[in-house]
C-alpha atoms as a PDB file:
ATOM      1  CA  MET A   1      -9.418 -18.124  -0.942  1.00  0.00           C
ATOM      2  CA  LEU A   2      -6.164 -16.197  -1.219  1.00  0.00           C
ATOM      3  CA  GLU A   3      -5.029 -17.987  -4.376  1.00  0.00           C
ATOM      4  CA  CYS A   4      -8.419 -17.560  -6.048  1.00  0.00           C
ATOM      5  CA  GLY A   5      -8.617 -13.893  -5.078  1.00  0.00           C
ATOM      6  CA  ALA A   6      -5.148 -13.201  -6.459  1.00  0.00           C
ATOM      7  CA  ALA A   7      -5.948 -15.157  -9.639  1.00  0.00           C
ATOM      8  CA  ASP A   8      -8.881 -12.797 -10.287  1.00  0.00           C
ATOM      9  CA  PHE A   9      -6.251 -10.111 -10.915  1.00  0.00           C
ATOM     10  CA  GLY A  10      -3.920 -12.321 -12.940  1.00  0.00           C
ATOM     11  CA  LEU A  11      -1.555 -13.122 -10.055  1.00  0.00           C
ATOM     12  CA  GLN A  12      -0.287 -16.640  -9.407  1.00  0.00           C
ATOM     13  CA  LEU A  13       1.078 -17.143  -5.906  1.00  0.00           C
ATOM     14  CA  SER A  14       3.730 -19.710  -5.035  1.00  0.00           C
ATOM     15  CA  PHE A  15       3.381 -22.103  -2.109  1.00  0.00           C
ATOM     16  CA  ASP A  16       6.083 -20.140  -0.241  1.00  0.00           C
ATOM     17  CA  GLN A  17       4.246 -16.838  -0.771  1.00  0.00           C
ATOM     18  CA  VAL A  18       0.964 -18.302   0.483  1.00  0.00           C
ATOM     19  CA  GLU A  19       2.777 -19.701   3.536  1.00  0.00           C
ATOM     20  CA  LYS A  20       4.302 -16.303   4.333  1.00  0.00           C
ATOM     21  CA  LEU A  21       0.969 -14.523   3.945  1.00  0.00           C
ATOM     22  CA  ALA A  22      -0.639 -17.146   6.216  1.00  0.00           C
ATOM     23  CA  LEU A  23       2.030 -16.491   8.862  1.00  0.00           C
ATOM     24  CA  TYR A  24       1.404 -12.756   8.496  1.00  0.00           C
ATOM     25  CA  ALA A  25      -2.339 -13.300   9.041  1.00  0.00           C
ATOM     26  CA  LYS A  26      -1.633 -15.468  12.092  1.00  0.00           C
ATOM     27  CA  GLU A  27       0.576 -12.764  13.643  1.00  0.00           C
ATOM     28  CA  LEU A  28      -1.973 -10.062  12.795  1.00  0.00           C
ATOM     29  CA  LYS A  29      -4.746 -11.917  14.620  1.00  0.00           C
ATOM     30  CA  LYS A  30      -2.495 -12.712  17.599  1.00  0.00           C
ATOM     31  CA  TRP A  31      -1.324  -9.112  18.046  1.00  0.00           C
ATOM     32  CA  ASN A  32      -4.782  -7.744  17.377  1.00  0.00           C
ATOM     33  CA  ARG A  33      -6.096  -9.496  20.487  1.00  0.00           C
ATOM     34  CA  LYS A  34      -3.737  -7.370  22.589  1.00  0.00           C
ATOM     35  CA  ILE A  35      -3.420  -4.104  20.683  1.00  0.00           C
ATOM     36  CA  ASN A  36      -5.724  -2.507  18.154  1.00  0.00           C
ATOM     37  CA  LEU A  37      -4.041  -2.938  14.771  1.00  0.00           C
ATOM     38  CA  THR A  38      -7.090  -3.312  12.537  1.00  0.00           C
ATOM     39  CA  ALA A  39     -10.874  -3.559  12.795  1.00  0.00           C
ATOM     40  CA  ILE A  40     -10.790  -6.339  10.171  1.00  0.00           C
ATOM     41  CA  LYS A  41     -10.473  -9.624  12.069  1.00  0.00           C
ATOM     42  CA  SER A  42     -12.073 -12.579  10.239  1.00  0.00           C
ATOM     43  CA  ASP A  43      -9.966 -14.780   7.957  1.00  0.00           C
ATOM     44  CA  GLU A  44     -12.079 -13.953   4.909  1.00  0.00           C
ATOM     45  CA  ASP A  45     -11.887 -10.202   5.528  1.00  0.00           C
ATOM     46  CA  ILE A  46      -8.125 -10.334   6.139  1.00  0.00           C
ATOM     47  CA  VAL A  47      -7.604 -12.254   2.901  1.00  0.00           C
ATOM     48  CA  ILE A  48      -9.893 -10.136   0.711  1.00  0.00           C
ATOM     49  CA  LYS A  49      -9.919  -6.670   2.296  1.00  0.00           C
ATOM     50  CA  HIS A  50      -6.254  -6.617   3.318  1.00  0.00           C
ATOM     51  CA  PHE A  51      -4.231  -9.083   1.233  1.00  0.00           C
ATOM     52  CA  VAL A  52      -5.980  -9.160  -2.146  1.00  0.00           C
ATOM     53  CA  ASP A  53      -6.722  -5.424  -1.987  1.00  0.00           C
ATOM     54  CA  SER A  54      -2.976  -4.844  -1.465  1.00  0.00           C
ATOM     55  CA  LEU A  55      -1.797  -7.297  -4.121  1.00  0.00           C
ATOM     56  CA  VAL A  56      -3.720  -5.510  -6.868  1.00  0.00           C
ATOM     57  CA  LEU A  57      -0.864  -2.980  -6.913  1.00  0.00           C
ATOM     58  CA  ALA A  58       1.512  -5.637  -8.283  1.00  0.00           C
ATOM     59  CA  LYS A  59       0.052  -4.950 -11.735  1.00  0.00           C
ATOM     60  CA  PHE A  60       1.192  -1.317 -11.602  1.00  0.00           C
ATOM     61  CA  VAL A  61       4.507  -1.302  -9.717  1.00  0.00           C
ATOM     62  CA  LYS A  62       7.796  -2.541 -11.207  1.00  0.00           C
ATOM     63  CA  ALA A  63       9.224  -5.625  -9.536  1.00  0.00           C
ATOM     64  CA  ASP A  64      12.422  -3.874  -8.401  1.00  0.00           C
ATOM     65  CA  ALA A  65      10.906  -0.452  -7.693  1.00  0.00           C
ATOM     66  CA  MET A  66      11.583   1.669  -4.648  1.00  0.00           C
ATOM     67  CA  LEU A  67       8.263   2.102  -2.846  1.00  0.00           C
ATOM     68  CA  VAL A  68       7.239   4.295   0.092  1.00  0.00           C
ATOM     69  CA  ASP A  69       4.008   3.404   1.926  1.00  0.00           C
ATOM     70  CA  ILE A  70       2.629   6.319   3.955  1.00  0.00           C
ATOM     71  CA  GLY A  71       0.317   5.588   6.880  1.00  0.00           C
ATOM     72  CA  SER A  72       0.889   1.868   6.430  1.00  0.00           C
ATOM     73  CA  GLY A  73      -0.816   0.812   9.658  1.00  0.00           C
ATOM     74  CA  ALA A  74      -0.363  -2.923  10.131  1.00  0.00           C
ATOM     75  CA  GLY A  75       1.595  -3.125   6.868  1.00  0.00           C
ATOM     76  CA  PHE A  76      -0.907  -2.680   4.057  1.00  0.00           C
ATOM     77  CA  PRO A  77      -0.293  -2.628   1.167  1.00  0.00           C
ATOM     78  CA  CYS A  78       3.497  -2.789   1.534  1.00  0.00           C
ATOM     79  CA  ILE A  79       4.055  -6.143   3.280  1.00  0.00           C
ATOM     80  CA  PRO A  80       1.808  -8.297   1.034  1.00  0.00           C
ATOM     81  CA  LEU A  81       3.426  -6.611  -1.985  1.00  0.00           C
ATOM     82  CA  LYS A  82       6.932  -7.237  -0.638  1.00  0.00           C
ATOM     83  CA  ILE A  83       6.099 -10.907  -0.042  1.00  0.00           C
ATOM     84  CA  ILE A  84       5.134 -11.506  -3.678  1.00  0.00           C
ATOM     85  CA  MET A  85       7.682  -9.039  -5.116  1.00  0.00           C
ATOM     86  CA  PRO A  86      10.874  -9.797  -3.148  1.00  0.00           C
ATOM     87  CA  ALA A  87      13.057  -7.415  -5.222  1.00  0.00           C
ATOM     88  CA  LEU A  88      10.839  -4.485  -4.224  1.00  0.00           C
ATOM     89  CA  ARG A  89      12.626  -1.985  -1.947  1.00  0.00           C
ATOM     90  CA  VAL A  90      10.159  -0.748   0.668  1.00  0.00           C
ATOM     91  CA  THR A  91      10.063   2.040   3.224  1.00  0.00           C
ATOM     92  CA  SER A  92       6.965   1.784   5.390  1.00  0.00           C
ATOM     93  CA  VAL A  93       5.989   4.848   7.440  1.00  0.00           C
ATOM     94  CA  ASP A  94       3.447   5.197  10.234  1.00  0.00           C
ATOM     95  CA  ALA A  95       3.074   7.624  13.137  1.00  0.00           C
ATOM     96  CA  VAL A  96       1.784   4.909  15.519  1.00  0.00           C
ATOM     97  CA  GLU A  97       4.771   3.155  17.097  1.00  0.00           C
ATOM     98  CA  LYS A  98       3.001  -0.095  18.012  1.00  0.00           C
ATOM     99  CA  LYS A  99       2.070  -0.634  14.359  1.00  0.00           C
ATOM    100  CA  ILE A 100       5.669  -0.149  13.246  1.00  0.00           C
ATOM    101  CA  ILE A 101       6.860  -2.570  15.964  1.00  0.00           C
ATOM    102  CA  PHE A 102       4.362  -5.114  14.630  1.00  0.00           C
ATOM    103  CA  GLN A 103       5.616  -4.617  11.065  1.00  0.00           C
ATOM    104  CA  ARG A 104       9.221  -5.109  12.139  1.00  0.00           C
ATOM    105  CA  ASN A 105       8.221  -8.307  13.934  1.00  0.00           C
ATOM    106  CA  VAL A 106       6.508  -9.658  10.802  1.00  0.00           C
ATOM    107  CA  ALA A 107       9.462  -8.657   8.596  1.00  0.00           C
ATOM    108  CA  ARG A 108      11.823 -10.540  10.940  1.00  0.00           C
ATOM    109  CA  LEU A 109       9.646 -13.677  11.098  1.00  0.00           C
ATOM    110  CA  ILE A 110       9.147 -13.818   7.336  1.00  0.00           C
ATOM    111  CA  GLY A 111      12.675 -12.740   6.483  1.00  0.00           C
ATOM    112  CA  LEU A 112      11.972  -9.646   4.414  1.00  0.00           C
ATOM    113  CA  ALA A 113      15.198  -8.114   3.072  1.00  0.00           C
ATOM    114  CA  GLY A 114      15.064  -4.595   1.678  1.00  0.00           C
ATOM    115  CA  PHE A 115      12.215  -3.613   3.983  1.00  0.00           C
ATOM    116  CA  GLU A 116      12.396  -0.704   6.441  1.00  0.00           C
ATOM    117  CA  ALA A 117       9.606   0.242   8.855  1.00  0.00           C
ATOM    118  CA  VAL A 118       9.918   3.830  10.088  1.00  0.00           C
ATOM    119  CA  HIS A 119       8.120   5.323  13.072  1.00  0.00           C
ATOM    120  CA  GLY A 120       7.319   8.942  12.253  1.00  0.00           C
ATOM    121  CA  ARG A 121       5.435  11.257   9.939  1.00  0.00           C
ATOM    122  CA  ALA A 122       5.886  11.310   6.192  1.00  0.00           C
ATOM    123  CA  GLU A 123       6.569  15.039   6.121  1.00  0.00           C
ATOM    124  CA  GLN A 124       9.617  14.448   8.350  1.00  0.00           C
ATOM    125  CA  LEU A 125      11.019  11.722   6.120  1.00  0.00           C
ATOM    126  CA  GLN A 126      14.302  12.526   4.363  1.00  0.00           C
ATOM    127  CA  PRO A 127      15.166   9.453   2.295  1.00  0.00           C
ATOM    128  CA  ASP A 128      18.591   9.032   0.705  1.00  0.00           C
ATOM    129  CA  ASN A 129      16.899   7.937  -2.518  1.00  0.00           C
ATOM    130  CA  LYS A 130      13.637   9.119  -4.021  1.00  0.00           C
ATOM    131  CA  ALA A 131      10.841   6.615  -4.628  1.00  0.00           C
ATOM    132  CA  ASP A 132       9.503   5.219  -7.879  1.00  0.00           C
ATOM    133  CA  ALA A 133       6.082   4.993  -6.233  1.00  0.00           C
ATOM    134  CA  VAL A 134       4.536   6.519  -3.103  1.00  0.00           C
ATOM    135  CA  VAL A 135       1.357   4.782  -1.999  1.00  0.00           C
ATOM    136  CA  SER A 136      -1.229   5.100   0.722  1.00  0.00           C
ATOM    137  CA  ARG A 137      -4.388   3.145   1.418  1.00  0.00           C
ATOM    138  CA  ALA A 138      -7.330   5.111   2.829  1.00  0.00           C
ATOM    139  CA  PHE A 139      -4.850   7.271   4.738  1.00  0.00           C
ATOM    140  CA  SER A 140      -6.117  10.798   4.011  1.00  0.00           C
ATOM    141  CA  ASP A 141      -7.726  12.911   1.322  1.00  0.00           C
ATOM    142  CA  ILE A 142      -5.923  12.984  -2.020  1.00  0.00           C
ATOM    143  CA  LEU A 143      -4.611  16.547  -1.677  1.00  0.00           C
ATOM    144  CA  THR A 144      -3.093  15.978   1.774  1.00  0.00           C
ATOM    145  CA  PHE A 145      -1.500  12.729   0.675  1.00  0.00           C
ATOM    146  CA  ALA A 146      -0.153  14.215  -2.568  1.00  0.00           C
ATOM    147  CA  GLY A 147       1.376  17.110  -0.642  1.00  0.00           C
ATOM    148  CA  MET A 148       3.272  14.660   1.588  1.00  0.00           C
ATOM    149  CA  ALA A 149       4.238  12.338  -1.244  1.00  0.00           C
ATOM    150  CA  LYS A 150       5.438  14.857  -3.814  1.00  0.00           C
ATOM    151  CA  GLY A 151       8.809  15.469  -2.181  1.00  0.00           C
ATOM    152  CA  LEU A 152       9.467  11.739  -1.728  1.00  0.00           C
ATOM    153  CA  MET A 153       9.174  10.616  -5.353  1.00  0.00           C
ATOM    154  CA  LYS A 154      11.457  10.779  -8.367  1.00  0.00           C
ATOM    155  CA  PRO A 155      10.504  13.311 -11.085  1.00  0.00           C
ATOM    156  CA  GLU A 156       9.270  10.404 -13.216  1.00  0.00           C
ATOM    157  CA  GLY A 157       7.706   8.603 -10.247  1.00  0.00           C
ATOM    158  CA  MET A 158       4.051   8.195  -9.333  1.00  0.00           C
ATOM    159  CA  ILE A 159       1.738   8.683  -6.408  1.00  0.00           C
ATOM    160  CA  ILE A 160      -0.934   6.012  -5.902  1.00  0.00           C
ATOM    161  CA  ALA A 161      -3.927   6.791  -3.693  1.00  0.00           C
ATOM    162  CA  MET A 162      -5.883   3.631  -2.849  1.00  0.00           C
ATOM    163  CA  LYS A 163      -9.521   4.591  -2.449  1.00  0.00           C
ATOM    164  CA  GLY A 164     -13.007   3.145  -2.242  1.00  0.00           C
ATOM    165  CA  LYS A 165     -15.803   3.777  -4.696  1.00  0.00           C
ATOM    166  CA  GLU A 166     -15.444   7.554  -4.289  1.00  0.00           C
ATOM    167  CA  GLY A 167     -11.940   7.645  -5.766  1.00  0.00           C
ATOM    168  CA  ARG A 168     -12.798   8.970  -9.232  1.00  0.00           C
ATOM    169  CA  GLU A 169     -15.064  11.698  -7.855  1.00  0.00           C
ATOM    170  CA  GLU A 170     -12.471  12.783  -5.279  1.00  0.00           C
ATOM    171  CA  ALA A 171      -9.761  12.845  -7.948  1.00  0.00           C
ATOM    172  CA  GLU A 172     -11.941  15.021 -10.169  1.00  0.00           C
ATOM    173  CA  HIS A 173     -12.513  17.515  -7.368  1.00  0.00           C
ATOM    174  CA  ALA A 174      -8.786  17.594  -6.551  1.00  0.00           C
ATOM    175  CA  LYS A 175      -7.548  18.166 -10.111  1.00  0.00           C
ATOM    176  CA  GLY A 176      -7.402  21.947  -9.957  1.00  0.00           C
ATOM    177  CA  LYS A 177      -5.390  22.136  -6.745  1.00  0.00           C
ATOM    178  CA  LEU A 178      -3.152  19.264  -7.851  1.00  0.00           C
ATOM    179  CA  GLU A 179      -2.350  21.261 -10.988  1.00  0.00           C
ATOM    180  CA  GLN A 180      -1.296  24.174  -8.765  1.00  0.00           C
ATOM    181  CA  MET A 181       1.067  21.749  -6.986  1.00  0.00           C
ATOM    182  CA  GLY A 182       2.618  20.732 -10.303  1.00  0.00           C
ATOM    183  CA  LEU A 183       0.818  17.386 -10.299  1.00  0.00           C
ATOM    184  CA  THR A 184      -1.762  15.766 -12.550  1.00  0.00           C
ATOM    185  CA  VAL A 185      -4.124  12.792 -12.294  1.00  0.00           C
ATOM    186  CA  SER A 186      -2.790  10.413 -14.958  1.00  0.00           C
ATOM    187  CA  ALA A 187      -5.328   7.602 -14.499  1.00  0.00           C
ATOM    188  CA  VAL A 188      -8.042   6.153 -12.278  1.00  0.00           C
ATOM    189  CA  GLU A 189      -8.414   2.362 -12.183  1.00  0.00           C
ATOM    190  CA  GLU A 190     -11.644   0.963 -10.740  1.00  0.00           C
ATOM    191  CA  PHE A 191     -12.258  -2.631  -9.679  1.00  0.00           C
ATOM    192  CA  ARG A 192     -14.260  -4.797  -7.276  1.00  0.00           C
ATOM    193  CA  LEU A 193     -12.891  -7.099  -4.625  1.00  0.00           C
ATOM    194  CA  PRO A 194     -13.598 -10.767  -5.356  1.00  0.00           C
ATOM    195  CA  SER A 195     -16.326 -12.640  -3.458  1.00  0.00           C
ATOM    196  CA  ILE A 196     -17.576  -9.554  -1.572  1.00  0.00           C
ATOM    197  CA  GLY A 197     -17.868  -7.145  -4.521  1.00  0.00           C
ATOM    198  CA  ASP A 198     -16.754  -4.001  -2.663  1.00  0.00           C
ATOM    199  CA  ALA A 199     -15.802  -1.188  -5.037  1.00  0.00           C
ATOM    200  CA  ARG A 200     -12.208   0.063  -5.013  1.00  0.00           C
ATOM    201  CA  SER A 201     -10.241   2.581  -7.050  1.00  0.00           C
ATOM    202  CA  LEU A 202      -6.610   3.482  -7.593  1.00  0.00           C
ATOM    203  CA  VAL A 203      -5.849   7.135  -8.339  1.00  0.00           C
ATOM    204  CA  PHE A 204      -2.508   7.620 -10.132  1.00  0.00           C
ATOM    205  CA  ILE A 205      -0.873  11.028  -9.851  1.00  0.00           C
ATOM    206  CA  ARG A 206       2.304  12.153 -11.629  1.00  0.00           C
ATOM    207  CA  SER A 207       4.405  15.263 -11.900  1.00  0.00           C
ATOM    208  CA  LYS A 208       3.434  17.504 -14.834  1.00  0.00           C
ATOM    209  CA  THR A 209       7.128  17.741 -15.736  1.00  0.00           C
ATOM    210  CA  GLY A 210       8.097  14.123 -15.000  1.00  0.00           C
END
C-alpha cells in the first residue's frame, strides 16, 4: 500500500525506507494506545493520510534542504520526508512535549541524523541558520502560519502550507494581507490521495523580494 501510494506521485521507495516507515507506524500505534498522538489509527489511514500525504512534499523540496516543520505533532510531514531524503536537515517544532518526546524516540530507533525535535513555539525559535523551506500541515490558518514562518526562512526560501480542499480559496482570501507582510502566493498545487480520493492542496508562499 505504501509503495503503491508513493508510486502514484513518482516516488520509488527502497526496502530500507519501507522498513523504517513500518517501524515508525508500529511505534505510532503503540504510543497512541497510551497517549493521544493522532486520531488516525488504522494501518490504511496511517499509510495514506500520514505517510503518503507527507511524502508528496519530496517533489518540491531539495534533497539537502534545511526544513523547519511547525506544529509537527507526531512528526508529519517531517519524519517521513527525512526517512526518504536522508540528506535533508530538519528542525521539528511542537508545543506539546509528549509529541516531541515521541519524535525523539522514533528518530533514535530509526537512526535519523540531522534531525532535531524542539519543544516550544515557533515564534520563540531562534535558529542559527535560516530554512530553505518552512512547512506546516493543517496547523493553523495561512496568515498565522506565514507570520510565524517568515522570520525562519531564507530570503529566497519558501513557506509551504499543507491544506485540504479549501487551500486555494483560503490562499486567495489571504493574498492581500500576505502582500502587506511582504509575501506572495507563488503557486497552489492540488492533488488527491490515492485509494481514498481525499482532496489536498499545497500553498507555496515566497518573499516578494526573495
